């Protein structure tokens, strides 16, 4: 697990650039037995952005994942200083993509 990000400066706020929900393609039984590997999902999401057109660099410090249960995960990506713009991240997140996670 990566170290926590440095503390924010006074007046600085993390503003989500994009937020979306992923739904895992699993049977009901698989969902009941599955343990969601958030690190693997985060890595797959980051890879999907770097493999996009155009490719974007998104880091683990920019991503937050929340297990919503029933095979669903909410992904929130914030803009980082010197990184892709909010518009670029949102446009990339709106593109159809398949995120593959290997158990």
C-alpha atoms as a PDB file:
ATOM      1  CA  UNK A   1       0.000   0.000   0.000  1.00  0.00           C
ATOM      2  CA  UNK A   2       1.437   3.396  -0.973  1.00  0.00           C
ATOM      3  CA  UNK A   3       2.227   5.940   1.743  1.00  0.00           C
ATOM      4  CA  UNK A   4      -0.487   8.509   2.413  1.00  0.00           C
ATOM      5  CA  UNK A   5      -0.293  11.721   0.396  1.00  0.00           C
ATOM      6  CA  UNK A   6       1.314  14.751   2.040  1.00  0.00           C
ATOM      7  CA  UNK A   7      -1.015  17.036   3.987  1.00  0.00           C
ATOM      8  CA  UNK A   8      -2.855  19.615   1.912  1.00  0.00           C
ATOM      9  CA  UNK A   9      -1.817  23.243   2.147  1.00  0.00           C
ATOM     10  CA  UNK A  10      -4.135  25.719   3.889  1.00  0.00           C
ATOM     11  CA  UNK A  11      -7.000  26.549   1.545  1.00  0.00           C
ATOM     12  CA  UNK A  12      -6.214  23.611  -0.744  1.00  0.00           C
ATOM     13  CA  UNK A  13      -9.020  21.168  -1.468  1.00  0.00           C
ATOM     14  CA  UNK A  14      -9.211  17.981  -3.485  1.00  0.00           C
ATOM     15  CA  UNK A  15     -11.874  18.460  -6.123  1.00  0.00           C
ATOM     16  CA  UNK A  16     -13.022  15.321  -7.915  1.00  0.00           C
ATOM     17  CA  UNK A  17     -12.241  15.462 -11.620  1.00  0.00           C
ATOM     18  CA  UNK A  18     -14.318  12.381 -12.320  1.00  0.00           C
ATOM     19  CA  UNK A  19     -16.459   9.915 -10.442  1.00  0.00           C
ATOM     20  CA  UNK A  20     -17.940   6.732 -11.849  1.00  0.00           C
ATOM     21  CA  UNK A  21     -19.126   3.289 -10.809  1.00  0.00           C
ATOM     22  CA  UNK A  22     -17.660   0.016 -12.066  1.00  0.00           C
ATOM     23  CA  UNK A  23     -19.754  -3.128 -12.057  1.00  0.00           C
ATOM     24  CA  UNK A  24     -17.952  -6.468 -11.946  1.00  0.00           C
ATOM     25  CA  UNK A  25     -19.080  -9.112 -14.402  1.00  0.00           C
ATOM     26  CA  UNK A  26     -19.695 -11.970 -11.959  1.00  0.00           C
ATOM     27  CA  UNK A  27     -22.448 -14.432 -11.260  1.00  0.00           C
ATOM     28  CA  UNK A  28     -24.499 -13.925  -8.089  1.00  0.00           C
ATOM     29  CA  UNK A  29     -22.625 -16.828  -6.444  1.00  0.00           C
ATOM     30  CA  UNK A  30     -19.224 -15.394  -7.424  1.00  0.00           C
ATOM     31  CA  UNK A  31     -20.240 -12.017  -5.963  1.00  0.00           C
ATOM     32  CA  UNK A  32     -21.317 -13.646  -2.709  1.00  0.00           C
ATOM     33  CA  UNK A  33     -17.962 -15.418  -2.383  1.00  0.00           C
ATOM     34  CA  UNK A  34     -15.726 -12.710  -3.805  1.00  0.00           C
ATOM     35  CA  UNK A  35     -13.400 -10.516  -1.847  1.00  0.00           C
ATOM     36  CA  UNK A  36     -12.935  -7.294  -3.761  1.00  0.00           C
ATOM     37  CA  UNK A  37      -9.216  -6.636  -4.310  1.00  0.00           C
ATOM     38  CA  UNK A  38      -9.273  -2.840  -4.274  1.00  0.00           C
ATOM     39  CA  UNK A  39      -5.535  -2.597  -5.056  1.00  0.00           C
ATOM     40  CA  UNK A  40      -5.987  -4.719  -8.193  1.00  0.00           C
ATOM     41  CA  UNK A  41      -9.020  -2.675  -9.271  1.00  0.00           C
ATOM     42  CA  UNK A  42      -7.146   0.589  -8.689  1.00  0.00           C
ATOM     43  CA  UNK A  43      -4.191  -0.670 -10.761  1.00  0.00           C
ATOM     44  CA  UNK A  44      -6.542  -1.768 -13.568  1.00  0.00           C
ATOM     45  CA  UNK A  45      -8.295   1.628 -13.595  1.00  0.00           C
ATOM     46  CA  UNK A  46      -4.940   3.437 -13.746  1.00  0.00           C
ATOM     47  CA  UNK A  47      -3.819   1.128 -16.572  1.00  0.00           C
ATOM     48  CA  UNK A  48      -7.044   1.813 -18.491  1.00  0.00           C
ATOM     49  CA  UNK A  49      -6.303   5.558 -18.410  1.00  0.00           C
ATOM     50  CA  UNK A  50      -2.677   5.070 -19.512  1.00  0.00           C
ATOM     51  CA  UNK A  51      -3.857   2.771 -22.350  1.00  0.00           C
ATOM     52  CA  UNK A  52      -6.495   5.289 -23.519  1.00  0.00           C
ATOM     53  CA  UNK A  53      -6.464   7.570 -26.527  1.00  0.00           C
ATOM     54  CA  UNK A  54      -4.912   9.922 -25.621  1.00  0.00           C
ATOM     55  CA  UNK A  55      -3.083   8.182 -22.778  1.00  0.00           C
ATOM     56  CA  UNK A  56      -3.374   9.913 -19.392  1.00  0.00           C
ATOM     57  CA  UNK A  57      -1.174   9.528 -16.349  1.00  0.00           C
ATOM     58  CA  UNK A  58      -3.273   8.971 -13.224  1.00  0.00           C
ATOM     59  CA  UNK A  59      -1.587   7.966  -9.973  1.00  0.00           C
ATOM     60  CA  UNK A  60      -2.801   6.042  -6.919  1.00  0.00           C
ATOM     61  CA  UNK A  61      -2.652   9.304  -4.929  1.00  0.00           C
ATOM     62  CA  UNK A  62      -5.330  10.694  -7.255  1.00  0.00           C
ATOM     63  CA  UNK A  63      -7.718   7.755  -6.947  1.00  0.00           C
ATOM     64  CA  UNK A  64     -10.152   6.735  -4.252  1.00  0.00           C
ATOM     65  CA  UNK A  65     -12.180   3.538  -4.453  1.00  0.00           C
ATOM     66  CA  UNK A  66     -15.260   2.666  -2.442  1.00  0.00           C
ATOM     67  CA  UNK A  67     -16.744  -0.836  -2.321  1.00  0.00           C
ATOM     68  CA  UNK A  68     -20.491  -0.358  -2.856  1.00  0.00           C
ATOM     69  CA  UNK A  69     -21.216  -4.071  -2.457  1.00  0.00           C
ATOM     70  CA  UNK A  70     -22.942  -6.402  -4.914  1.00  0.00           C
ATOM     71  CA  UNK A  71     -19.936  -6.310  -7.265  1.00  0.00           C
ATOM     72  CA  UNK A  72     -19.897  -2.501  -7.633  1.00  0.00           C
ATOM     73  CA  UNK A  73     -17.054  -0.081  -6.903  1.00  0.00           C
ATOM     74  CA  UNK A  74     -17.176   3.726  -7.029  1.00  0.00           C
ATOM     75  CA  UNK A  75     -14.027   5.338  -8.435  1.00  0.00           C
ATOM     76  CA  UNK A  76     -13.179   8.970  -7.725  1.00  0.00           C
ATOM     77  CA  UNK A  77     -10.231  10.623  -9.462  1.00  0.00           C
ATOM     78  CA  UNK A  78      -8.947  14.057  -8.470  1.00  0.00           C
ATOM     79  CA  UNK A  79      -6.767  16.390 -10.489  1.00  0.00           C
ATOM     80  CA  UNK A  80      -3.112  16.580  -9.456  1.00  0.00           C
ATOM     81  CA  UNK A  81      -0.784  19.543  -9.875  1.00  0.00           C
ATOM     82  CA  UNK A  82       0.957  19.207 -13.216  1.00  0.00           C
ATOM     83  CA  UNK A  83      -1.252  16.268 -14.227  1.00  0.00           C
ATOM     84  CA  UNK A  84      -4.088  15.935 -16.731  1.00  0.00           C
ATOM     85  CA  UNK A  85      -6.802  18.578 -16.522  1.00  0.00           C
ATOM     86  CA  UNK A  86     -10.242  17.942 -15.073  1.00  0.00           C
ATOM     87  CA  UNK A  87     -11.612  18.086 -18.611  1.00  0.00           C
ATOM     88  CA  UNK A  88      -9.096  15.497 -19.878  1.00  0.00           C
ATOM     89  CA  UNK A  89      -9.822  13.107 -16.988  1.00  0.00           C
ATOM     90  CA  UNK A  90     -13.587  13.462 -17.405  1.00  0.00           C
ATOM     91  CA  UNK A  91     -13.387  12.961 -21.182  1.00  0.00           C
ATOM     92  CA  UNK A  92     -11.252   9.825 -20.722  1.00  0.00           C
ATOM     93  CA  UNK A  93     -13.606   8.451 -18.041  1.00  0.00           C
ATOM     94  CA  UNK A  94     -16.570   8.872 -20.383  1.00  0.00           C
ATOM     95  CA  UNK A  95     -14.949   6.731 -23.080  1.00  0.00           C
ATOM     96  CA  UNK A  96     -16.045   3.086 -23.210  1.00  0.00           C
ATOM     97  CA  UNK A  97     -13.355   0.910 -21.679  1.00  0.00           C
ATOM     98  CA  UNK A  98     -12.989  -2.564 -20.290  1.00  0.00           C
ATOM     99  CA  UNK A  99     -11.115  -2.788 -17.026  1.00  0.00           C
ATOM    100  CA  UNK A 100      -9.655  -6.257 -16.492  1.00  0.00           C
ATOM    101  CA  UNK A 101      -8.768  -7.465 -13.021  1.00  0.00           C
ATOM    102  CA  UNK A 102      -7.062 -10.826 -12.639  1.00  0.00           C
ATOM    103  CA  UNK A 103      -7.913 -12.533  -9.351  1.00  0.00           C
END
